[in-house]
N, C-alpha and C. Protein backbone atom coordinates (compact mmCIF):
# COMPACT_ATOMS: atom_id res chain seq x y z
N MET A 1 40.37 132.02 32.68
CA MET A 1 40.72 130.71 32.23
C MET A 1 39.61 129.92 32.76
N SER A 2 39.15 128.95 31.89
CA SER A 2 38.03 128.21 32.45
C SER A 2 38.52 126.85 32.77
N LEU A 3 38.19 126.19 34.00
CA LEU A 3 38.52 125.03 34.39
C LEU A 3 37.45 123.88 33.93
N LYS A 4 38.15 122.77 33.47
CA LYS A 4 37.15 121.68 32.80
C LYS A 4 36.67 120.96 34.07
N ALA A 5 35.44 120.53 33.96
CA ALA A 5 35.01 119.72 35.13
C ALA A 5 35.39 118.30 34.90
N GLY A 6 35.67 117.47 36.01
CA GLY A 6 36.10 116.31 35.68
C GLY A 6 36.33 115.62 37.31
N ASN A 7 36.29 114.41 37.33
CA ASN A 7 36.59 113.71 38.49
C ASN A 7 38.13 113.62 38.77
N VAL A 8 38.37 114.50 39.72
CA VAL A 8 39.87 114.41 40.47
C VAL A 8 39.87 113.60 41.70
N SER A 9 40.83 112.45 41.49
CA SER A 9 40.95 111.75 42.63
C SER A 9 41.85 112.34 43.73
N VAL A 10 41.30 112.22 44.91
CA VAL A 10 42.17 112.97 46.26
C VAL A 10 42.88 111.93 47.07
N GLN A 11 43.74 111.79 47.19
CA GLN A 11 44.32 110.54 48.36
C GLN A 11 43.61 110.99 49.58
N ALA A 12 43.29 109.91 50.28
CA ALA A 12 42.69 110.11 51.82
C ALA A 12 43.78 110.67 52.76
N GLY A 13 43.09 111.66 53.40
CA GLY A 13 44.01 112.15 54.48
C GLY A 13 44.60 113.39 53.96
N THR A 14 44.74 113.71 52.69
CA THR A 14 45.57 114.90 52.15
C THR A 14 44.82 116.15 51.67
N GLY A 15 43.40 116.11 52.12
CA GLY A 15 42.67 117.16 51.59
C GLY A 15 42.83 118.41 52.59
N PHE A 16 42.17 119.51 52.24
CA PHE A 16 42.19 120.79 53.01
C PHE A 16 41.73 120.43 54.51
N TRP A 17 40.58 119.70 54.68
CA TRP A 17 40.24 119.40 56.00
C TRP A 17 40.75 118.25 56.68
N ASN A 18 41.82 117.47 56.04
CA ASN A 18 42.17 116.32 56.57
C ASN A 18 43.59 116.52 56.50
N SER A 19 44.39 117.52 56.83
CA SER A 19 45.88 117.71 56.92
C SER A 19 46.30 116.83 58.03
N ALA A 20 47.47 116.23 57.74
CA ALA A 20 48.10 115.44 58.89
C ALA A 20 48.56 116.33 60.15
N LYS A 21 48.04 115.73 61.27
CA LYS A 21 48.38 116.32 62.56
C LYS A 21 49.71 116.16 62.94
N PRO A 22 50.35 117.29 63.60
CA PRO A 22 51.47 116.99 64.29
C PRO A 22 51.63 115.94 65.17
N ALA A 23 52.89 115.40 65.48
CA ALA A 23 52.93 114.49 66.45
C ALA A 23 52.80 115.02 68.00
N GLN A 24 52.07 114.38 68.83
CA GLN A 24 51.98 114.82 70.17
C GLN A 24 52.82 114.18 71.23
N TYR A 25 53.86 115.07 72.00
CA TYR A 25 54.43 114.28 73.04
C TYR A 25 54.06 114.41 74.15
N SER A 26 53.88 113.05 74.85
CA SER A 26 53.22 113.27 76.27
C SER A 26 54.15 114.22 77.30
N LYS A 27 53.39 114.46 78.32
CA LYS A 27 53.92 115.33 79.31
C LYS A 27 55.28 114.65 79.99
N GLU A 28 55.10 113.19 80.18
CA GLU A 28 56.25 112.51 80.71
C GLU A 28 57.44 112.61 79.85
N THR A 29 57.19 112.66 78.46
CA THR A 29 58.10 112.33 77.58
C THR A 29 59.02 113.84 77.30
N GLN A 30 57.95 114.94 77.44
CA GLN A 30 58.55 116.22 77.46
C GLN A 30 59.29 116.58 78.86
N GLU A 31 58.95 116.13 79.77
CA GLU A 31 59.79 116.48 81.22
C GLU A 31 61.07 115.65 80.97
N MET A 32 61.00 114.33 80.56
CA MET A 32 62.24 113.57 80.39
C MET A 32 63.22 114.17 79.56
N LEU A 33 62.64 114.80 78.41
CA LEU A 33 63.55 115.50 77.41
C LEU A 33 64.17 116.72 78.13
N ARG A 34 63.57 117.54 78.94
CA ARG A 34 63.85 118.60 79.62
C ARG A 34 64.79 118.39 80.57
N VAL A 35 64.84 117.22 81.28
CA VAL A 35 65.98 116.90 82.22
C VAL A 35 67.12 116.42 81.41
N MET A 36 67.07 115.81 80.39
CA MET A 36 68.15 115.17 79.60
C MET A 36 68.89 116.33 79.05
N MET A 37 68.24 117.48 78.49
CA MET A 37 68.76 118.52 77.95
C MET A 37 69.73 119.25 79.13
N GLN A 38 69.11 119.35 80.35
CA GLN A 38 69.88 120.00 81.47
C GLN A 38 71.13 119.35 81.85
N GLU A 39 70.99 117.98 81.63
CA GLU A 39 72.13 117.12 82.10
C GLU A 39 73.32 117.12 81.03
N SER A 40 72.65 117.34 79.86
CA SER A 40 73.75 117.22 78.64
C SER A 40 74.32 118.49 78.45
N LYS A 41 73.92 119.39 79.18
CA LYS A 41 74.59 120.93 79.26
C LYS A 41 74.49 121.64 77.69
N LEU A 42 73.38 121.67 77.31
CA LEU A 42 73.05 122.15 75.99
C LEU A 42 73.15 123.61 76.18
N THR A 43 73.29 124.48 75.10
CA THR A 43 73.43 125.81 75.05
C THR A 43 71.82 126.13 75.01
N ASN A 44 71.54 127.63 75.30
CA ASN A 44 70.17 128.08 75.42
C ASN A 44 69.67 127.78 73.97
N PHE A 45 70.34 128.07 72.91
CA PHE A 45 69.99 128.03 71.43
C PHE A 45 69.53 126.79 71.27
N GLN A 46 70.26 125.69 71.65
CA GLN A 46 70.09 124.16 71.12
C GLN A 46 68.89 123.96 71.97
N GLN A 47 68.68 124.26 73.28
CA GLN A 47 67.51 124.02 73.97
C GLN A 47 66.17 124.59 73.31
N ARG A 48 66.24 125.74 72.86
CA ARG A 48 65.24 126.32 72.21
C ARG A 48 64.82 125.61 70.96
N GLN A 49 65.88 125.23 70.30
CA GLN A 49 65.33 124.57 69.01
C GLN A 49 64.58 123.26 69.33
N ILE A 50 64.99 122.55 70.33
CA ILE A 50 64.33 121.45 70.66
C ILE A 50 63.01 121.43 71.01
N ARG A 51 62.75 122.58 72.01
CA ARG A 51 61.62 122.97 72.61
C ARG A 51 60.45 123.42 71.47
N GLU A 52 61.09 124.24 70.27
CA GLU A 52 60.05 124.65 69.41
C GLU A 52 59.69 123.33 68.57
N ARG A 53 60.53 122.35 68.32
CA ARG A 53 60.30 121.24 67.57
C ARG A 53 59.22 120.20 68.30
N ILE A 54 59.36 120.33 69.66
CA ILE A 54 58.51 119.44 70.60
C ILE A 54 56.95 120.19 70.42
N GLN A 55 57.01 121.46 70.55
CA GLN A 55 55.78 122.09 70.51
C GLN A 55 55.03 121.91 69.22
N ARG A 56 55.92 122.02 68.09
CA ARG A 56 55.19 121.67 66.82
C ARG A 56 54.96 120.56 66.50
N GLY A 57 55.46 119.46 67.19
CA GLY A 57 55.21 118.08 67.09
C GLY A 57 56.16 117.41 66.06
N ASP A 58 57.27 118.08 65.55
CA ASP A 58 58.18 117.78 64.58
C ASP A 58 59.22 116.58 65.28
N THR A 59 59.81 115.97 64.40
CA THR A 59 60.86 114.96 64.83
C THR A 59 62.07 115.72 65.25
N LEU A 60 62.71 115.28 66.13
CA LEU A 60 63.81 115.71 66.79
C LEU A 60 65.10 115.92 65.73
N PRO A 61 65.77 116.86 65.86
CA PRO A 61 67.08 117.22 64.93
C PRO A 61 67.94 115.96 65.15
N THR A 62 68.67 115.63 64.31
CA THR A 62 69.94 114.56 64.56
C THR A 62 71.10 115.34 64.97
N GLN A 63 71.06 116.81 64.70
CA GLN A 63 72.27 117.46 65.11
C GLN A 63 71.87 118.97 65.46
N CYS A 64 72.38 119.62 66.57
CA CYS A 64 71.97 121.01 66.91
C CYS A 64 73.18 121.90 66.95
N HIS A 65 73.36 122.93 66.14
CA HIS A 65 74.33 123.90 66.44
C HIS A 65 74.60 124.56 67.59
N PRO A 66 75.59 124.68 68.27
CA PRO A 66 75.47 125.62 69.37
C PRO A 66 75.04 126.90 69.36
N SER A 67 74.92 127.59 68.22
CA SER A 67 74.54 128.87 68.01
C SER A 67 74.09 129.07 66.67
N SER A 68 73.30 130.22 66.43
CA SER A 68 72.77 130.58 65.01
C SER A 68 73.99 130.79 63.93
N SER A 69 75.13 131.17 64.49
CA SER A 69 76.11 131.60 63.46
C SER A 69 77.20 130.58 63.44
N ASN A 70 77.39 129.89 64.30
CA ASN A 70 78.30 128.80 64.26
C ASN A 70 77.73 127.33 63.75
N THR A 71 78.00 126.84 62.62
CA THR A 71 77.30 125.78 61.76
C THR A 71 78.38 124.81 61.72
N GLY A 72 79.66 125.08 61.97
CA GLY A 72 80.52 123.88 61.71
C GLY A 72 80.76 122.92 62.56
N PRO A 73 81.14 121.62 62.25
CA PRO A 73 81.13 120.55 63.16
C PRO A 73 82.50 120.63 64.18
N SER A 74 82.58 121.89 64.65
CA SER A 74 83.80 121.85 65.60
C SER A 74 83.67 121.44 66.94
N LYS A 75 82.50 121.01 67.42
CA LYS A 75 82.19 120.46 68.73
C LYS A 75 81.02 119.50 68.56
N LYS A 76 81.22 118.15 69.29
CA LYS A 76 80.13 117.18 69.14
C LYS A 76 78.99 117.70 70.00
N ILE A 77 77.57 117.42 69.41
CA ILE A 77 76.53 117.83 69.96
C ILE A 77 75.84 116.59 70.52
N VAL A 78 74.97 116.80 71.47
CA VAL A 78 74.03 115.58 71.77
C VAL A 78 73.13 115.56 70.71
N THR A 79 72.76 114.40 70.17
CA THR A 79 71.96 114.25 68.90
C THR A 79 70.70 113.63 69.48
N ALA A 80 69.76 113.82 68.66
CA ALA A 80 68.25 113.18 68.88
C ALA A 80 68.43 111.61 68.84
N GLN A 81 69.36 111.19 68.26
CA GLN A 81 69.33 109.62 68.19
C GLN A 81 69.67 109.03 69.57
N ARG A 82 70.50 109.80 70.28
CA ARG A 82 70.92 109.33 71.73
C ARG A 82 69.69 109.59 72.49
N VAL A 83 68.86 110.62 72.50
CA VAL A 83 67.68 110.86 73.18
C VAL A 83 66.54 109.91 72.81
N ASN A 84 66.30 109.68 71.64
CA ASN A 84 65.47 108.70 71.17
C ASN A 84 65.91 107.28 71.91
N ALA A 85 66.96 106.97 71.86
CA ALA A 85 67.76 105.61 72.46
C ALA A 85 67.42 105.58 73.88
N SER A 86 67.49 106.60 74.61
CA SER A 86 67.16 106.70 75.90
C SER A 86 65.61 106.39 76.19
N ILE A 87 64.99 107.10 75.44
CA ILE A 87 63.50 107.12 75.73
C ILE A 87 63.09 105.37 75.44
N GLN A 88 63.71 104.94 74.49
CA GLN A 88 63.47 103.31 74.10
C GLN A 88 63.81 102.50 75.38
N ARG A 89 65.01 102.98 75.88
CA ARG A 89 65.42 101.92 76.97
C ARG A 89 64.62 102.22 78.23
N ASN A 90 64.06 103.37 78.71
CA ASN A 90 63.30 103.72 79.58
C ASN A 90 61.81 103.13 79.70
N ARG A 91 61.41 102.61 78.36
CA ARG A 91 59.85 102.09 78.18
C ARG A 91 60.02 100.64 78.83
N PRO A 92 58.90 100.31 79.65
CA PRO A 92 58.93 99.23 80.38
C PRO A 92 58.74 97.98 79.14
N SER A 93 59.48 96.98 79.54
CA SER A 93 59.35 95.66 78.54
C SER A 93 58.59 94.64 79.21
N LEU A 94 57.84 93.82 78.44
CA LEU A 94 57.31 92.59 78.75
C LEU A 94 57.98 91.57 79.04
N ARG A 95 57.87 90.71 80.20
CA ARG A 95 58.59 89.70 80.38
C ARG A 95 58.06 88.55 79.55
N PRO A 96 58.81 87.38 78.92
CA PRO A 96 58.17 86.17 78.43
C PRO A 96 57.50 85.51 79.42
N ALA A 97 56.75 84.73 78.57
CA ALA A 97 55.72 83.90 79.56
C ALA A 97 56.55 82.83 80.55
N GLU A 98 57.53 82.24 79.98
CA GLU A 98 58.48 81.32 80.38
C GLU A 98 58.96 81.90 81.88
N MET A 99 59.34 83.29 81.74
CA MET A 99 60.14 83.73 83.24
C MET A 99 58.81 84.01 84.00
N CYS A 100 57.71 84.39 83.64
CA CYS A 100 56.38 84.55 84.50
C CYS A 100 55.98 83.30 85.08
N ARG A 101 56.22 82.09 84.40
CA ARG A 101 55.83 80.99 84.86
C ARG A 101 56.92 80.40 85.85
N ALA A 102 58.05 80.73 85.51
CA ALA A 102 59.24 80.27 86.46
C ALA A 102 59.23 80.83 87.90
N GLY A 103 58.71 82.24 87.86
CA GLY A 103 58.59 83.04 88.88
C GLY A 103 57.45 82.53 89.84
N ASP A 104 57.20 83.53 90.94
CA ASP A 104 56.12 83.10 91.61
C ASP A 104 54.91 83.81 91.52
N ALA A 105 54.71 84.40 90.10
CA ALA A 105 53.45 84.91 89.92
C ALA A 105 52.14 83.99 89.61
N TYR A 106 52.44 82.80 89.56
CA TYR A 106 51.35 81.84 89.50
C TYR A 106 51.03 81.03 90.48
N SER A 107 51.94 81.14 91.55
CA SER A 107 52.07 80.39 92.74
C SER A 107 50.65 80.79 93.61
N ARG A 108 50.03 79.93 94.02
CA ARG A 108 48.76 79.96 94.93
C ARG A 108 49.20 80.33 96.37
N ASP A 109 48.51 81.10 97.05
CA ASP A 109 48.96 81.48 98.62
C ASP A 109 48.69 80.16 99.35
N LYS A 110 49.22 79.92 100.39
CA LYS A 110 48.94 78.73 101.40
C LYS A 110 47.67 79.19 102.00
N PHE A 111 47.01 78.08 102.17
CA PHE A 111 45.76 78.37 103.09
C PHE A 111 46.18 78.15 104.33
N HIS A 112 45.54 79.24 105.16
CA HIS A 112 45.59 79.37 106.46
C HIS A 112 44.18 79.26 107.08
N PRO A 113 43.82 78.27 107.79
CA PRO A 113 42.40 78.25 108.41
C PRO A 113 42.13 79.45 109.40
N ARG A 114 40.96 80.09 109.47
CA ARG A 114 40.60 80.76 110.40
C ARG A 114 40.05 80.12 111.52
N PRO A 115 40.15 80.70 112.63
CA PRO A 115 39.61 80.07 113.91
C PRO A 115 38.17 79.84 113.75
N THR A 116 37.50 78.75 114.23
CA THR A 116 36.20 78.77 114.12
C THR A 116 35.42 79.42 115.27
N ARG A 117 34.30 79.65 115.06
CA ARG A 117 33.39 80.44 115.97
C ARG A 117 32.45 79.43 116.59
N ASP A 118 32.14 79.72 117.77
CA ASP A 118 31.31 78.95 118.68
C ASP A 118 29.85 79.73 118.00
N LEU A 119 29.10 78.87 117.36
CA LEU A 119 27.75 79.49 116.84
C LEU A 119 26.71 79.30 117.91
N ASN A 120 26.77 78.25 118.76
CA ASN A 120 25.88 78.19 119.97
C ASN A 120 26.13 79.35 121.06
N LYS A 121 27.18 79.73 121.05
CA LYS A 121 27.53 80.73 122.14
C LYS A 121 27.18 81.99 121.41
N GLU A 122 27.22 82.17 120.40
CA GLU A 122 26.92 83.56 119.71
C GLU A 122 25.33 83.71 119.69
N LYS A 123 24.71 82.45 119.31
CA LYS A 123 23.26 82.31 119.32
C LYS A 123 22.94 82.82 120.68
N SER A 124 23.31 82.42 121.76
CA SER A 124 22.79 82.59 123.13
C SER A 124 23.11 84.06 123.41
N LYS A 125 24.10 84.50 123.07
CA LYS A 125 24.42 85.97 123.48
C LYS A 125 23.60 86.94 122.70
N LEU A 126 23.30 86.52 121.41
CA LEU A 126 22.27 87.36 120.80
C LEU A 126 21.03 87.24 121.17
N GLN A 127 20.56 86.09 121.76
CA GLN A 127 19.26 86.21 122.42
C GLN A 127 18.97 86.85 123.80
N HIS A 128 20.13 86.90 124.38
CA HIS A 128 20.32 87.31 125.69
C HIS A 128 20.23 89.07 125.51
N ILE A 129 20.80 89.46 124.40
CA ILE A 129 20.87 91.02 124.15
C ILE A 129 19.50 91.58 123.81
N MET A 130 18.67 90.48 122.87
CA MET A 130 17.46 90.74 122.57
C MET A 130 16.48 90.99 123.66
N ALA A 131 16.72 90.19 124.56
CA ALA A 131 15.55 89.80 125.68
C ALA A 131 15.93 90.87 126.83
N THR A 132 17.25 91.27 127.05
CA THR A 132 17.44 92.25 128.24
C THR A 132 18.14 93.52 127.61
N GLY A 133 18.54 93.45 126.46
CA GLY A 133 19.17 94.82 125.92
C GLY A 133 20.68 94.88 126.57
N LYS A 134 21.19 93.77 127.12
CA LYS A 134 22.49 93.74 127.88
C LYS A 134 23.28 92.79 127.15
N ASP A 135 24.35 92.86 127.07
CA ASP A 135 25.46 91.68 126.86
C ASP A 135 25.52 90.61 127.87
N LEU A 136 25.86 89.45 127.48
CA LEU A 136 26.12 88.45 128.54
C LEU A 136 27.25 88.61 129.19
N PRO A 137 27.33 88.55 130.42
CA PRO A 137 28.56 88.83 131.46
C PRO A 137 29.58 87.77 131.18
N GLU A 138 30.88 88.18 131.09
CA GLU A 138 31.99 87.43 130.79
C GLU A 138 31.86 86.22 132.04
N PRO A 139 32.15 84.98 131.52
CA PRO A 139 32.33 83.96 132.64
C PRO A 139 33.35 84.18 133.63
N LYS A 140 33.17 84.03 134.93
CA LYS A 140 34.14 84.23 135.75
C LYS A 140 35.03 83.09 136.01
N CYS A 141 36.35 83.33 136.08
CA CYS A 141 37.20 82.14 136.15
C CYS A 141 37.15 81.58 137.39
N ALA A 142 37.12 80.21 137.54
CA ALA A 142 36.93 79.53 138.87
C ALA A 142 38.22 79.84 139.66
N THR A 143 38.03 80.05 141.04
CA THR A 143 39.21 80.40 141.76
C THR A 143 39.87 78.94 141.98
N PRO A 144 41.23 79.03 141.65
CA PRO A 144 41.91 77.44 141.86
C PRO A 144 42.08 77.46 143.21
N GLN A 145 41.65 75.96 143.53
CA GLN A 145 41.56 75.46 144.92
C GLN A 145 43.14 75.10 145.14
N MET A 146 43.30 75.26 146.37
CA MET A 146 44.70 74.80 146.85
C MET A 146 44.89 73.42 146.93
N GLU A 147 45.71 72.86 146.06
CA GLU A 147 45.83 71.34 146.11
C GLU A 147 46.92 70.82 147.02
N GLU A 148 46.39 69.89 147.73
CA GLU A 148 47.42 69.41 148.72
C GLU A 148 48.79 68.90 147.97
N PRO A 149 49.76 68.97 148.64
CA PRO A 149 51.03 68.54 148.12
C PRO A 149 51.20 67.06 148.14
N LEU A 150 50.80 66.72 146.94
CA LEU A 150 50.66 65.19 146.57
C LEU A 150 52.12 64.60 146.67
N GLU A 151 52.92 65.42 146.30
CA GLU A 151 54.25 64.87 146.14
C GLU A 151 54.82 64.62 147.46
N GLU A 152 54.67 65.56 148.50
CA GLU A 152 55.06 65.15 149.93
C GLU A 152 54.11 64.08 150.51
N LYS A 153 52.94 64.06 150.11
CA LYS A 153 52.18 62.82 150.57
C LYS A 153 52.78 61.28 150.32
N ASP A 154 53.26 61.47 148.86
CA ASP A 154 53.61 60.27 148.14
C ASP A 154 54.98 59.91 148.97
N ARG A 155 55.75 60.88 149.34
CA ARG A 155 57.22 60.65 149.90
C ARG A 155 56.92 60.20 151.25
N PHE A 156 55.82 60.73 152.00
CA PHE A 156 55.65 60.34 153.32
C PHE A 156 55.28 58.76 153.19
N ASP A 157 54.28 58.31 152.42
CA ASP A 157 53.86 56.85 152.41
C ASP A 157 55.13 56.20 151.95
N GLU A 158 55.97 56.48 151.22
CA GLU A 158 57.24 55.82 150.72
C GLU A 158 58.21 55.69 151.79
N LEU A 159 58.41 56.77 152.61
CA LEU A 159 59.23 56.76 153.83
C LEU A 159 58.70 55.47 154.93
N VAL A 160 57.38 55.75 155.19
CA VAL A 160 56.82 54.63 155.99
C VAL A 160 56.94 53.35 155.45
N ALA A 161 56.70 52.91 154.07
CA ALA A 161 56.95 51.66 153.61
C ALA A 161 58.50 51.31 153.69
N GLU A 162 59.35 52.24 153.58
CA GLU A 162 60.74 51.93 153.83
C GLU A 162 61.02 51.50 155.30
N ILE A 163 60.44 52.25 156.21
CA ILE A 163 60.52 51.92 157.62
C ILE A 163 60.06 50.54 158.05
N GLN A 164 58.80 50.23 157.59
CA GLN A 164 58.15 48.91 157.90
C GLN A 164 59.12 47.78 157.15
N GLU A 165 59.76 47.99 156.08
CA GLU A 165 60.44 46.97 155.36
C GLU A 165 61.66 46.82 156.13
N ARG A 166 62.42 47.78 156.80
CA ARG A 166 63.55 47.61 157.54
C ARG A 166 63.27 46.83 159.02
N TRP A 167 62.06 47.34 159.43
CA TRP A 167 61.58 46.70 160.73
C TRP A 167 61.12 45.23 160.54
N ASP A 168 60.59 44.97 159.42
CA ASP A 168 60.37 43.52 159.13
C ASP A 168 61.44 42.71 158.99
N PHE A 169 62.62 43.24 158.23
CA PHE A 169 63.94 42.45 158.18
C PHE A 169 64.52 42.46 159.54
N LEU A 170 64.65 43.47 160.15
CA LEU A 170 65.22 43.12 161.71
C LEU A 170 64.55 42.03 162.32
N GLY A 171 63.02 42.02 162.35
CA GLY A 171 62.30 41.01 163.10
C GLY A 171 62.68 39.72 162.50
N GLU A 172 63.09 39.55 161.23
CA GLU A 172 63.61 38.02 160.72
C GLU A 172 64.89 37.93 161.20
N MET A 173 65.88 38.91 161.26
CA MET A 173 67.20 38.55 161.77
C MET A 173 67.17 38.06 163.05
N GLU A 174 66.31 38.84 163.98
CA GLU A 174 66.07 38.24 165.54
C GLU A 174 65.60 37.14 165.55
N ALA A 175 64.72 36.63 164.74
CA ALA A 175 64.14 35.18 164.92
C ALA A 175 65.36 34.29 164.43
N LEU A 176 66.42 34.51 163.63
CA LEU A 176 67.24 33.73 163.05
C LEU A 176 68.52 33.72 164.05
N GLY A 177 68.41 34.62 165.29
CA GLY A 177 69.35 34.74 166.25
C GLY A 177 70.65 35.78 165.83
N ARG A 178 70.16 36.55 164.67
CA ARG A 178 71.31 37.47 164.32
C ARG A 178 70.83 38.91 164.52
N GLY A 179 70.06 39.30 165.26
CA GLY A 179 69.62 40.70 165.71
C GLY A 179 70.64 41.62 165.94
N LYS A 180 71.47 41.28 166.79
CA LYS A 180 72.63 42.25 167.25
C LYS A 180 73.31 42.57 166.12
N GLN A 181 73.60 41.83 165.05
CA GLN A 181 74.24 42.08 163.83
C GLN A 181 73.83 43.42 162.91
N TYR A 182 72.54 43.32 163.21
CA TYR A 182 71.91 44.53 162.22
C TYR A 182 71.00 45.31 162.90
N SER A 183 70.99 45.06 164.14
CA SER A 183 70.19 46.10 164.92
C SER A 183 70.58 47.61 164.81
N ASN A 184 71.95 47.89 165.07
CA ASN A 184 72.42 49.37 165.02
C ASN A 184 72.01 49.89 163.77
N MET A 185 72.61 49.24 162.76
CA MET A 185 72.32 49.75 161.26
C MET A 185 70.86 49.82 161.08
N ILE A 186 70.14 49.09 161.40
CA ILE A 186 68.68 49.17 160.89
C ILE A 186 67.98 50.32 161.72
N ASN A 187 68.38 50.28 163.04
CA ASN A 187 67.86 51.61 163.97
C ASN A 187 68.34 52.79 163.42
N THR A 188 69.46 52.91 162.88
CA THR A 188 70.06 54.31 162.64
C THR A 188 69.23 54.53 161.33
N GLU A 189 68.88 53.61 160.30
CA GLU A 189 68.15 54.12 159.01
C GLU A 189 66.88 54.59 159.56
N ILE A 190 66.22 53.72 160.36
CA ILE A 190 64.76 54.16 160.75
C ILE A 190 64.70 55.50 161.47
N SER A 191 65.80 55.93 162.17
CA SER A 191 65.83 57.15 162.76
C SER A 191 66.08 58.20 161.84
N GLN A 192 66.72 58.13 160.72
CA GLN A 192 66.96 58.89 159.85
C GLN A 192 65.67 59.11 158.76
N LYS A 193 64.89 58.21 158.73
CA LYS A 193 63.80 58.36 157.73
C LYS A 193 62.57 58.91 158.85
N LEU A 194 62.64 58.63 160.03
CA LEU A 194 61.68 59.31 160.94
C LEU A 194 61.94 60.93 160.86
N ARG A 195 63.04 61.17 161.12
CA ARG A 195 63.47 62.67 161.01
C ARG A 195 62.92 63.53 159.71
N GLU A 196 63.17 62.64 158.27
CA GLU A 196 62.61 63.03 157.11
C GLU A 196 60.86 63.24 157.21
N LEU A 197 60.52 62.25 157.94
CA LEU A 197 58.98 62.32 158.03
C LEU A 197 58.61 63.54 158.87
N GLU A 198 59.23 63.77 159.97
CA GLU A 198 58.87 64.81 160.82
C GLU A 198 58.74 66.21 159.99
N VAL A 199 59.86 66.29 159.03
CA VAL A 199 59.76 67.52 158.35
C VAL A 199 58.70 67.56 157.37
N ILE A 200 57.93 66.50 156.89
CA ILE A 200 56.94 66.56 155.95
C ILE A 200 55.62 66.44 156.90
N ASP A 201 55.24 65.78 157.77
CA ASP A 201 54.14 65.84 158.80
C ASP A 201 54.58 65.49 160.05
N LYS A 202 54.67 66.33 160.79
CA LYS A 202 55.16 66.19 162.07
C LYS A 202 54.26 65.34 163.05
N GLN A 203 52.74 65.81 162.81
CA GLN A 203 51.85 65.01 163.77
C GLN A 203 51.75 63.48 163.44
N ARG A 204 51.75 63.07 162.17
CA ARG A 204 51.68 61.66 161.67
C ARG A 204 53.15 61.11 162.01
N CYS A 205 54.10 61.87 161.95
CA CYS A 205 55.46 61.20 162.14
C CYS A 205 55.47 60.87 163.91
N SER A 206 54.80 61.80 164.52
CA SER A 206 54.83 61.49 166.12
C SER A 206 54.09 60.22 166.36
N GLU A 207 52.84 60.21 165.52
CA GLU A 207 51.99 58.82 165.59
C GLU A 207 52.73 57.74 165.51
N LEU A 208 53.62 57.88 164.21
CA LEU A 208 54.31 56.61 163.77
C LEU A 208 55.33 56.00 164.77
N ARG A 209 56.14 57.17 165.40
CA ARG A 209 57.14 57.06 166.28
C ARG A 209 56.47 56.26 167.73
N ASP A 210 55.41 56.75 168.13
CA ASP A 210 54.74 56.00 169.28
C ASP A 210 54.31 54.62 168.87
N ALA A 211 53.74 54.38 167.74
CA ALA A 211 53.50 52.95 167.51
C ALA A 211 54.77 52.07 167.32
N LEU A 212 55.81 52.60 166.96
CA LEU A 212 57.20 51.84 166.76
C LEU A 212 57.59 51.68 168.19
N GLN A 213 57.79 52.71 169.02
CA GLN A 213 57.96 52.36 170.41
C GLN A 213 57.09 51.27 171.24
N GLN A 214 55.87 51.20 170.89
CA GLN A 214 54.97 50.42 171.45
C GLN A 214 55.29 49.04 170.91
N SER A 215 55.66 49.04 169.56
CA SER A 215 56.14 47.74 169.17
C SER A 215 57.22 47.25 169.86
N VAL A 216 58.18 47.99 170.01
CA VAL A 216 59.27 47.37 170.71
C VAL A 216 59.20 47.33 172.06
N ASN A 217 58.23 47.83 172.83
CA ASN A 217 58.03 47.55 174.19
C ASN A 217 57.33 46.17 174.17
N THR A 218 56.40 45.81 173.28
CA THR A 218 55.73 44.50 172.91
C THR A 218 56.45 43.48 172.74
N ASN A 219 57.65 43.66 172.03
CA ASN A 219 58.54 42.48 171.35
C ASN A 219 60.07 42.99 171.80
N PRO A 220 60.35 42.81 173.14
CA PRO A 220 61.74 43.24 173.55
C PRO A 220 62.73 42.42 172.56
N ASP A 221 63.81 43.10 172.79
CA ASP A 221 64.99 42.13 171.85
C ASP A 221 65.37 41.01 172.71
N PRO A 222 65.46 39.90 172.15
CA PRO A 222 65.75 38.57 172.85
C PRO A 222 67.03 38.30 173.14
N SER A 223 67.89 39.19 172.70
CA SER A 223 69.32 39.30 173.12
C SER A 223 69.57 39.84 174.38
């Protein structure tokens, strides 16, 4: 039989060398299908049917018979539609732009300034290393000097002023002829403050006591 020569139109992708390739399932999809088959308690025959279709790249069957001999719908079988629906649910979905802008995805981090460096100190340190080959010694902290108890000194001067104030008041009362009325009270207060002074500074208190005694001897009570 002779064939007539002529132009024969061939649809793209349907020639001998351009046969359609079977679909390829990723390893993740195959692993997920394997786990789902185990959880669904499929029979070995059903699992083998699904594995063969996956290897060939065929679409999954909508119904799997429990065995090669039993083809009746006596028992409900997990269908490929449920498997495909599970695959769709497990795929990550993109969030709308409004949800992204509403969250913290576009918020800038707060600026936290870093501690500033002493450039002059680092420059001097580098020069010392280049000149001597050694690092600058750490500055020694100055030994804190023992400060005098200013509070006690202030209290000492305050007590001296209070004693002088009472001594002057007693002198005014004696000049008015009322020294006896206030003498005992003023002397008692002065004695109390002298004892407090002695606790703070015994030497100065002794000097102050001698000065008061000398003043009493110089100006005796006119009464």
